[in-house]
Protein backbone atom coordinates (compact mmCIF):
# COMPACT_ATOMS: atom_id res chain seq x y z
CA UNK A 1 -0.18 -0.26 -0.06
CA UNK A 2 1.29 3.34 -1.14
CA UNK A 3 1.58 6.43 1.27
CA UNK A 4 -2.16 8.03 1.19
CA UNK A 5 -3.91 5.02 0.44
CA UNK A 6 -6.46 3.63 2.34
CA UNK A 7 -6.36 -0.02 3.65
CA UNK A 8 -9.22 -2.17 1.79
CA UNK A 9 -9.52 -3.66 5.39
CA UNK A 10 -10.69 -0.65 7.18
CA UNK A 11 -14.59 -0.04 6.95
CA UNK A 12 -16.52 3.14 6.29
CA UNK A 13 -18.25 3.32 10.09
CA UNK A 14 -14.85 3.26 11.14
CA UNK A 15 -14.51 6.52 10.35
CA UNK A 16 -17.87 7.89 9.13
CA UNK A 17 -19.48 10.96 11.41
CA UNK A 18 -22.78 10.35 13.35
CA UNK A 19 -24.39 12.41 10.98
CA UNK A 20 -23.14 11.06 7.63
CA UNK A 21 -24.26 7.75 9.31
CA UNK A 22 -27.94 9.41 10.03
CA UNK A 23 -28.18 10.32 6.37
CA UNK A 24 -27.56 7.20 5.28
CA UNK A 25 -29.86 5.48 7.38
CA UNK A 26 -32.14 8.04 5.84
CA UNK A 27 -31.64 6.70 2.59
CA UNK A 28 -31.95 3.31 3.79
CA UNK A 29 -35.31 3.72 5.47
CA UNK A 30 -36.93 5.49 2.53
CA UNK A 31 -35.92 2.82 0.33
CA UNK A 32 -37.57 0.24 2.39
CA UNK A 33 -40.61 2.39 2.34
CA UNK A 34 -40.82 3.47 -0.77
CA UNK A 35 -40.65 -0.57 -1.75
CA UNK A 36 -43.17 -1.75 0.66
CA UNK A 37 -45.84 1.43 -0.55
CA UNK A 38 -45.41 0.34 -3.64
CA UNK A 39 -45.89 -3.16 -3.58
CA UNK A 40 -49.13 -4.46 -3.06
CA UNK A 41 -47.90 -6.67 0.33
CA UNK A 42 -50.36 -6.12 3.58
CA UNK A 43 -47.95 -4.91 5.59
CA UNK A 44 -47.94 -1.70 7.50
CA UNK A 45 -45.23 0.42 7.86
CA UNK A 46 -44.04 2.32 10.62
CA UNK A 47 -41.46 4.91 10.84
CA UNK A 48 -40.83 6.03 14.36
CA UNK A 49 -37.67 8.27 14.99
CA UNK A 50 -34.61 5.97 14.44
CA UNK A 51 -37.21 2.99 14.36
CA UNK A 52 -38.68 1.37 11.14
CA UNK A 53 -41.47 -1.28 12.05
CA UNK A 54 -43.10 -3.67 9.98
CA UNK A 55 -46.30 -5.24 10.90
CA UNK A 56 -47.73 -8.35 9.05
CA UNK A 57 -51.13 -9.30 9.21
CA UNK A 58 -50.94 -11.85 11.45
CA UNK A 59 -49.58 -9.46 13.83
CA UNK A 60 -45.53 -10.16 13.66
CA UNK A 61 -43.12 -7.49 13.01
CA UNK A 62 -39.63 -6.92 11.52
CA UNK A 63 -38.06 -4.17 14.06
CA UNK A 64 -35.36 -1.79 11.56
CA UNK A 65 -33.32 0.57 13.83
CA UNK A 66 -30.23 2.55 13.11
CA UNK A 67 -27.27 2.20 15.77
CA UNK A 68 -25.82 5.30 15.73
CA UNK A 69 -22.66 4.49 18.17
CA UNK A 70 -21.85 1.52 15.83
CA UNK A 71 -22.84 2.75 12.81
CA UNK A 72 -24.96 -0.17 12.38
CA UNK A 73 -28.44 -0.86 11.22
CA UNK A 74 -30.40 -3.37 12.83
CA UNK A 75 -33.16 -6.47 11.96
CA UNK A 76 -35.25 -7.83 14.69
CA UNK A 77 -37.30 -10.84 13.66
CA UNK A 78 -38.83 -13.79 15.11
CA UNK A 79 -35.90 -15.71 13.67
CA UNK A 80 -33.15 -13.46 15.39
CA UNK A 81 -31.46 -10.37 15.37
CA UNK A 82 -28.87 -8.59 12.77
CA UNK A 83 -26.35 -6.09 12.54
CA UNK A 84 -25.27 -4.39 9.74
CA UNK A 85 -22.41 -2.34 8.94
CA UNK A 86 -21.50 -0.36 5.52
CA UNK A 87 -18.34 -2.67 3.81
CA UNK A 88 -17.58 -1.23 0.52
CA UNK A 89 -20.68 0.40 -0.35
CA UNK A 90 -22.79 -2.49 0.97
CA UNK A 91 -24.76 -2.97 4.74
CA UNK A 92 -23.21 -6.20 5.38
CA UNK A 93 -23.66 -8.72 8.83
CA UNK A 94 -20.45 -8.74 10.30
CA UNK A 95 -21.63 -12.42 12.05
CA UNK A 96 -22.78 -14.40 9.06
CA UNK A 97 -22.31 -12.13 5.95
CA UNK A 98 -25.47 -11.38 4.61
CA UNK A 99 -26.52 -8.24 2.60
CA UNK A 100 -29.02 -6.11 4.79
CA UNK A 101 -31.58 -5.96 1.81
CA UNK A 102 -31.38 -9.76 0.66
CA UNK A 103 -31.91 -10.63 4.49
CA UNK A 104 -34.99 -7.93 4.74
CA UNK A 105 -36.40 -9.77 1.41
CA UNK A 106 -36.21 -12.79 3.23
CA UNK A 107 -37.67 -11.95 6.37
CA UNK A 108 -40.60 -10.34 4.46
CA UNK A 109 -41.16 -13.26 2.25
CA UNK A 110 -41.26 -14.92 5.63
CA UNK A 111 -43.86 -12.75 7.41
CA UNK A 112 -46.37 -11.82 4.37
CA UNK A 113 -45.45 -14.44 1.70
CA UNK A 114 -44.82 -11.37 -0.47
CA UNK A 115 -41.58 -11.78 -2.67
CA UNK A 116 -40.19 -7.74 -2.50
CA UNK A 117 -36.58 -6.45 -3.66
CA UNK A 118 -35.21 -3.34 -2.09
């Protein structure tokens, strides 16, 4: 690595300000809301500050939360909790390597029976 170059091992959240993180999280939340609004799926989408709640016809929920201190977006569902950090332009789980929107599509399909792309 030459002087002045950033290592590809450095993740974006390692030097992102809270303001930058919140702007990116707003974009993520907006993308999710737009996809749900554009679908015919029976999903109630309720933004509440740093939290976005998705509720399905059977009452089950997915909670999407921005966690500013860690610069992560968290998903919580019946199947478990998932934490996503920005890496190489994608929100990726540090635990299992899954991508945020792919995991969300999987969870939405399990909750609603609908296939949504985010």
